[in-house]
Amino acid sequence: MGIIIWLIVGGIVGWLASLIMRTDGQQGIILNVVVGIVGAFIGGLVIGPLLGAPSINSGAITIMSFIVSLIGAVILLAIVNLFRRGRVR
């Protein structure tokens, strides 16, 4: 049951990050889930130690882990936009 919740929360995080970065029209459901999960990994490595909060990948789904994962997903989309378009939106 944990993996289903992990996929759902990852999808929500990816969708919110794509809305923030204005790439929602280019992404589908599967890419939103991938962006959410990979972004949570990046957020857990980069932002998590700074804030002292885990990401959603650690199994603890709290408000802080959601925020850390969202920041990581936004960072991931900014990096993708930088390489794809040569600039961050």
C-alpha atoms as a PDB file:
ATOM      1  CA  MET A   1       0.000   0.000   0.000  1.00  0.00           C
ATOM      2  CA  GLY A   2       2.943   2.317   0.632  1.00  0.00           C
ATOM      3  CA  ILE A   3       4.034   2.384  -3.001  1.00  0.00           C
ATOM      4  CA  ILE A   4       0.563   3.464  -4.131  1.00  0.00           C
ATOM      5  CA  ILE A   5       0.587   6.393  -1.715  1.00  0.00           C
ATOM      6  CA  TRP A   6       4.151   7.172  -2.794  1.00  0.00           C
ATOM      7  CA  LEU A   7       3.056   7.307  -6.459  1.00  0.00           C
ATOM      8  CA  ILE A   8      -0.002   9.435  -5.687  1.00  0.00           C
ATOM      9  CA  VAL A   9       1.932  11.959  -3.591  1.00  0.00           C
ATOM     10  CA  GLY A  10       4.741  11.988  -6.185  1.00  0.00           C
ATOM     11  CA  GLY A  11       2.175  12.724  -8.876  1.00  0.00           C
ATOM     12  CA  ILE A  12       0.713  15.588  -6.870  1.00  0.00           C
ATOM     13  CA  VAL A  13       4.171  17.027  -6.193  1.00  0.00           C
ATOM     14  CA  GLY A  14       5.125  16.735  -9.874  1.00  0.00           C
ATOM     15  CA  TRP A  15       1.869  18.310 -10.991  1.00  0.00           C
ATOM     16  CA  LEU A  16       2.250  21.262  -8.595  1.00  0.00           C
ATOM     17  CA  ALA A  17       5.869  21.755  -9.667  1.00  0.00           C
ATOM     18  CA  SER A  18       4.832  21.727 -13.329  1.00  0.00           C
ATOM     19  CA  LEU A  19       2.193  24.379 -12.570  1.00  0.00           C
ATOM     20  CA  ILE A  20       4.777  26.533 -10.801  1.00  0.00           C
ATOM     21  CA  MET A  21       7.278  26.180 -13.667  1.00  0.00           C
ATOM     22  CA  ARG A  22       4.528  26.515 -16.343  1.00  0.00           C
ATOM     23  CA  THR A  23       5.330  23.179 -18.033  1.00  0.00           C
ATOM     24  CA  ASP A  24       2.005  21.513 -17.258  1.00  0.00           C
ATOM     25  CA  GLY A  25       0.825  21.452 -20.884  1.00  0.00           C
ATOM     26  CA  GLN A  26       3.929  19.524 -21.951  1.00  0.00           C
ATOM     27  CA  GLN A  27       3.719  16.810 -19.301  1.00  0.00           C
ATOM     28  CA  GLY A  28       1.331  13.946 -18.796  1.00  0.00           C
ATOM     29  CA  ILE A  29       0.427  11.981 -15.699  1.00  0.00           C
ATOM     30  CA  ILE A  30       3.371   9.583 -15.961  1.00  0.00           C
ATOM     31  CA  LEU A  31       5.910  12.396 -16.323  1.00  0.00           C
ATOM     32  CA  ASN A  32       4.339  14.235 -13.377  1.00  0.00           C
ATOM     33  CA  VAL A  33       4.846  11.150 -11.203  1.00  0.00           C
ATOM     34  CA  VAL A  34       8.447  10.767 -12.407  1.00  0.00           C
ATOM     35  CA  VAL A  35       9.187  14.462 -11.801  1.00  0.00           C
ATOM     36  CA  GLY A  36       7.642  14.222  -8.328  1.00  0.00           C
ATOM     37  CA  ILE A  37       9.644  11.161  -7.305  1.00  0.00           C
ATOM     38  CA  VAL A  38      12.971  12.279  -8.811  1.00  0.00           C
ATOM     39  CA  GLY A  39      12.374  15.785  -7.468  1.00  0.00           C
ATOM     40  CA  ALA A  40      11.756  14.327  -4.016  1.00  0.00           C
ATOM     41  CA  PHE A  41      15.094  12.532  -4.274  1.00  0.00           C
ATOM     42  CA  ILE A  42      16.860  15.774  -5.257  1.00  0.00           C
ATOM     43  CA  GLY A  43      15.056  17.692  -2.531  1.00  0.00           C
ATOM     44  CA  GLY A  44      16.009  15.056   0.028  1.00  0.00           C
ATOM     45  CA  LEU A  45      19.669  15.373  -0.934  1.00  0.00           C
ATOM     46  CA  VAL A  46      19.899  19.153  -1.335  1.00  0.00           C
ATOM     47  CA  ILE A  47      17.129  20.817   0.674  1.00  0.00           C
ATOM     48  CA  GLY A  48      16.448  18.176   3.329  1.00  0.00           C
ATOM     49  CA  PRO A  49      19.693  18.579   5.289  1.00  0.00           C
ATOM     50  CA  LEU A  50      19.345  22.370   5.235  1.00  0.00           C
ATOM     51  CA  LEU A  51      15.837  22.292   6.691  1.00  0.00           C
ATOM     52  CA  GLY A  52      16.240  19.123   8.725  1.00  0.00           C
ATOM     53  CA  ALA A  53      13.273  17.507   7.006  1.00  0.00           C
ATOM     54  CA  PRO A  54      13.050  14.300   4.956  1.00  0.00           C
ATOM     55  CA  SER A  55      11.498  13.969   1.514  1.00  0.00           C
ATOM     56  CA  ILE A  56       8.484  11.828   0.661  1.00  0.00           C
ATOM     57  CA  ASN A  57      10.876   9.069  -0.434  1.00  0.00           C
ATOM     58  CA  SER A  58      11.831   8.392   3.190  1.00  0.00           C
ATOM     59  CA  GLY A  59       8.320   7.180   3.963  1.00  0.00           C
ATOM     60  CA  ALA A  60       7.340  10.068   6.219  1.00  0.00           C
ATOM     61  CA  ILE A  61       4.658  12.102   4.484  1.00  0.00           C
ATOM     62  CA  THR A  62       4.349  15.377   6.382  1.00  0.00           C
ATOM     63  CA  ILE A  63       3.926  18.991   5.358  1.00  0.00           C
ATOM     64  CA  MET A  64       7.707  19.581   5.532  1.00  0.00           C
ATOM     65  CA  SER A  65       8.491  16.466   3.489  1.00  0.00           C
ATOM     66  CA  PHE A  66       5.928  17.606   0.922  1.00  0.00           C
ATOM     67  CA  ILE A  67       7.550  21.065   0.735  1.00  0.00           C
ATOM     68  CA  VAL A  68      11.063  19.590   0.462  1.00  0.00           C
ATOM     69  CA  SER A  69       9.891  17.316  -2.347  1.00  0.00           C
ATOM     70  CA  LEU A  70       8.123  20.196  -4.113  1.00  0.00           C
ATOM     71  CA  ILE A  71      11.259  22.359  -3.984  1.00  0.00           C
ATOM     72  CA  GLY A  72      13.292  19.461  -5.372  1.00  0.00           C
ATOM     73  CA  ALA A  73      10.809  18.954  -8.219  1.00  0.00           C
ATOM     74  CA  VAL A  74      10.918  22.673  -9.074  1.00  0.00           C
ATOM     75  CA  ILE A  75      14.735  22.498  -9.112  1.00  0.00           C
ATOM     76  CA  LEU A  76      14.550  19.471 -11.428  1.00  0.00           C
ATOM     77  CA  LEU A  77      12.191  21.233 -13.849  1.00  0.00           C
ATOM     78  CA  ALA A  78      14.392  24.358 -13.795  1.00  0.00           C
ATOM     79  CA  ILE A  79      17.418  22.254 -14.745  1.00  0.00           C
ATOM     80  CA  VAL A  80      15.470  20.520 -17.521  1.00  0.00           C
ATOM     81  CA  ASN A  81      14.263  23.902 -18.853  1.00  0.00           C
ATOM     82  CA  LEU A  82      17.797  25.258 -18.717  1.00  0.00           C
ATOM     83  CA  PHE A  83      19.127  22.455 -20.909  1.00  0.00           C
ATOM     84  CA  ARG A  84      16.110  22.294 -23.188  1.00  0.00           C
ATOM     85  CA  ARG A  85      15.561  25.991 -23.863  1.00  0.00           C
ATOM     86  CA  GLY A  86      18.793  27.568 -22.690  1.00  0.00           C
ATOM     87  CA  ARG A  87      16.995  29.523 -19.971  1.00  0.00           C
ATOM     88  CA  VAL A  88      14.899  28.992 -16.868  1.00  0.00           C
ATOM     89  CA  ARG A  89      11.280  30.087 -17.242  1.00  0.00           C
END
